[in-house]
Protein backbone atom coordinates (compact mmCIF):
# COMPACT_ATOMS: atom_id res chain seq x y z
CA MET A 1 0.09 0.29 0.15
CA ALA A 2 1.39 3.41 -0.78
CA ILE A 3 2.45 5.59 2.07
CA MET A 4 -0.35 8.44 0.61
CA GLU A 5 -2.91 6.31 0.59
CA PHE A 6 -2.00 5.60 3.82
CA LEU A 7 -2.05 8.85 5.27
CA THR A 8 -5.11 10.18 3.16
CA SER A 9 -7.16 7.20 4.53
CA LEU A 10 -5.89 8.05 8.27
CA LYS A 11 -6.35 12.20 7.86
CA ARG A 12 -9.81 10.87 6.10
CA ASN A 13 -11.09 8.83 9.58
CA MET A 14 -9.52 11.18 11.91
CA MET A 15 -11.27 14.17 10.56
CA ALA A 16 -14.35 11.89 10.45
CA ARG A 17 -14.49 9.81 13.55
CA GLY A 18 -11.73 11.12 15.75
CA VAL A 19 -8.72 9.42 17.30
CA LYS A 20 -10.55 7.35 18.99
CA ASP A 21 -11.45 5.43 16.05
CA VAL A 22 -8.09 4.96 14.56
CA SER A 23 -6.48 4.02 17.84
CA ASP A 24 -8.75 0.91 17.70
CA PRO A 25 -6.72 -1.80 17.54
CA LYS A 26 -9.46 -3.98 15.99
CA LYS A 27 -9.20 -1.53 13.06
CA TRP A 28 -5.89 -1.64 12.93
CA ALA A 29 -6.25 -5.15 12.66
CA ALA A 30 -8.11 -5.50 9.82
CA TYR A 31 -6.54 -2.45 7.88
CA LEU A 32 -3.22 -4.54 8.19
CA GLU A 33 -5.19 -7.76 7.08
CA GLY A 34 -6.74 -5.32 4.07
CA GLY A 35 -3.38 -4.76 3.43
CA THR A 36 -2.21 -8.09 3.25
CA ILE A 37 -5.21 -9.11 1.14
CA GLU A 38 -4.19 -6.95 -1.41
CA LYS A 39 -0.73 -7.89 -1.74
CA GLU A 40 -0.84 -11.34 -1.17
CA GLY A 41 -4.54 -12.57 -2.21
CA ILE A 42 -7.03 -14.16 0.05
CA HIS A 43 -6.03 -17.83 1.96
CA ILE A 44 -8.05 -19.90 3.35
CA PRO A 45 -8.63 -23.72 3.99
CA TYR A 46 -10.64 -25.39 0.46
CA SER A 47 -13.35 -26.07 3.18
CA GLU A 48 -14.23 -22.57 4.08
CA ILE A 49 -14.54 -21.44 0.04
CA THR A 50 -18.00 -21.70 -0.43
CA ALA A 51 -18.88 -19.89 3.13
CA TYR A 52 -16.18 -16.95 2.35
CA THR A 53 -17.10 -15.87 -1.22
CA GLU A 54 -21.34 -16.55 -0.07
CA GLN A 55 -20.32 -14.11 2.97
CA LEU A 56 -18.41 -11.66 0.58
CA VAL A 57 -21.73 -11.38 -1.68
CA TYR A 58 -23.85 -11.44 1.30
CA ARG A 59 -21.70 -7.99 2.55
CA THR A 60 -21.12 -6.05 -0.98
CA THR A 61 -24.66 -6.30 -1.42
CA LEU A 62 -25.62 -5.36 2.27
CA CYS A 63 -23.28 -2.26 1.34
CA GLN A 64 -23.91 -1.63 -2.35
CA GLU A 65 -23.89 2.03 -2.14
CA CYS A 66 -20.46 1.87 -0.31
CA CYS A 67 -19.05 -0.69 -3.08
CA GLU A 68 -20.30 1.82 -5.73
CA ALA A 69 -19.07 4.73 -3.87
CA GLY A 70 -15.48 2.76 -3.62
CA VAL A 71 -15.61 4.03 0.21
CA CYS A 72 -17.62 3.45 3.13
CA PRO A 73 -18.60 6.83 4.39
CA HIS A 74 -19.43 5.84 7.81
CA CYS A 75 -15.55 4.19 8.38
CA GLY A 76 -13.72 5.61 5.96
CA CYS A 77 -12.75 1.76 4.48
CA THR A 78 -11.75 1.02 0.94
CA MET A 79 -14.72 -1.17 -0.79
CA PRO A 80 -15.27 -3.57 -1.70
CA LYS A 81 -11.66 -4.58 0.43
CA ALA A 82 -12.96 -3.89 3.71
CA ALA A 83 -15.74 -6.73 2.61
CA MET A 84 -13.05 -9.11 1.87
CA VAL A 85 -11.51 -9.14 5.17
CA ALA A 86 -12.98 -11.98 7.52
CA SER A 87 -12.83 -10.39 10.90
CA LYS A 88 -13.85 -6.69 9.62
CA THR A 89 -17.14 -5.36 10.84
CA CYS A 90 -19.93 -3.08 9.51
CA PRO A 91 -19.84 -0.12 11.29
CA LYS A 92 -23.58 0.49 10.89
CA GLU A 93 -24.24 -3.17 12.31
CA ARG A 94 -25.24 -4.62 8.51
CA TRP A 95 -22.71 -7.75 9.00
CA GLY A 96 -20.65 -8.92 11.95
CA ALA A 97 -17.12 -11.24 11.22
CA MET A 98 -16.78 -14.11 8.99
CA MET A 99 -18.15 -17.46 10.07
CA VAL A 100 -16.82 -20.48 9.49
CA ALA A 101 -18.72 -23.00 6.69
CA ASP A 102 -21.35 -24.42 9.84
CA GLU A 103 -22.45 -21.62 11.43
CA TRP A 104 -22.59 -19.63 7.71
CA GLN A 105 -24.56 -22.38 7.00
CA ALA A 106 -27.17 -22.07 9.81
CA TYR A 107 -27.25 -18.27 10.11
CA LYS A 108 -28.54 -18.60 6.01
CA GLN A 109 -31.13 -21.32 7.34
CA GLU A 110 -31.88 -19.03 10.08
CA LYS A 111 -32.52 -15.82 7.75
CA GLN A 112 -33.65 -17.84 4.60
CA ILE A 113 -30.62 -16.50 2.76
CA SER A 114 -29.61 -18.72 -0.04
CA PHE A 115 -27.52 -18.59 -3.30
CA THR A 116 -27.62 -20.27 -6.87
CA VAL A 117 -24.93 -21.31 -9.20
CA ASN A 118 -25.59 -21.65 -12.48
CA GLN A 119 -23.43 -23.16 -14.88
CA SER A 120 -23.78 -23.10 -18.75
CA ALA A 121 -22.42 -25.61 -20.27
CA ARG A 122 -19.44 -25.11 -23.17
């Protein structure tokens, strides 16, 4: 991540939410995890791929306006990168930290969420 991008993000967050927001260790951890994702990609076990990708789609659907703007107006995080960070939570409480596969399956059943993958013949 470029230093100017970091400083711009830090300034934007401090102006919007004050020092308390940028001094939160959980937010720093999520920020650093986002940087790692940007540099190295996402490393998750094969058994968690479906749960992760469904939750990413779910998060970005709930925060469509943030994704379209490229930044969340509530926390200042870059979107959709923030939605890719498993430990990140939405400041508007739209979504929490990502769940492991069995927890996500139970959550989908409880909330009546479903995903359909269509594969066309080649």
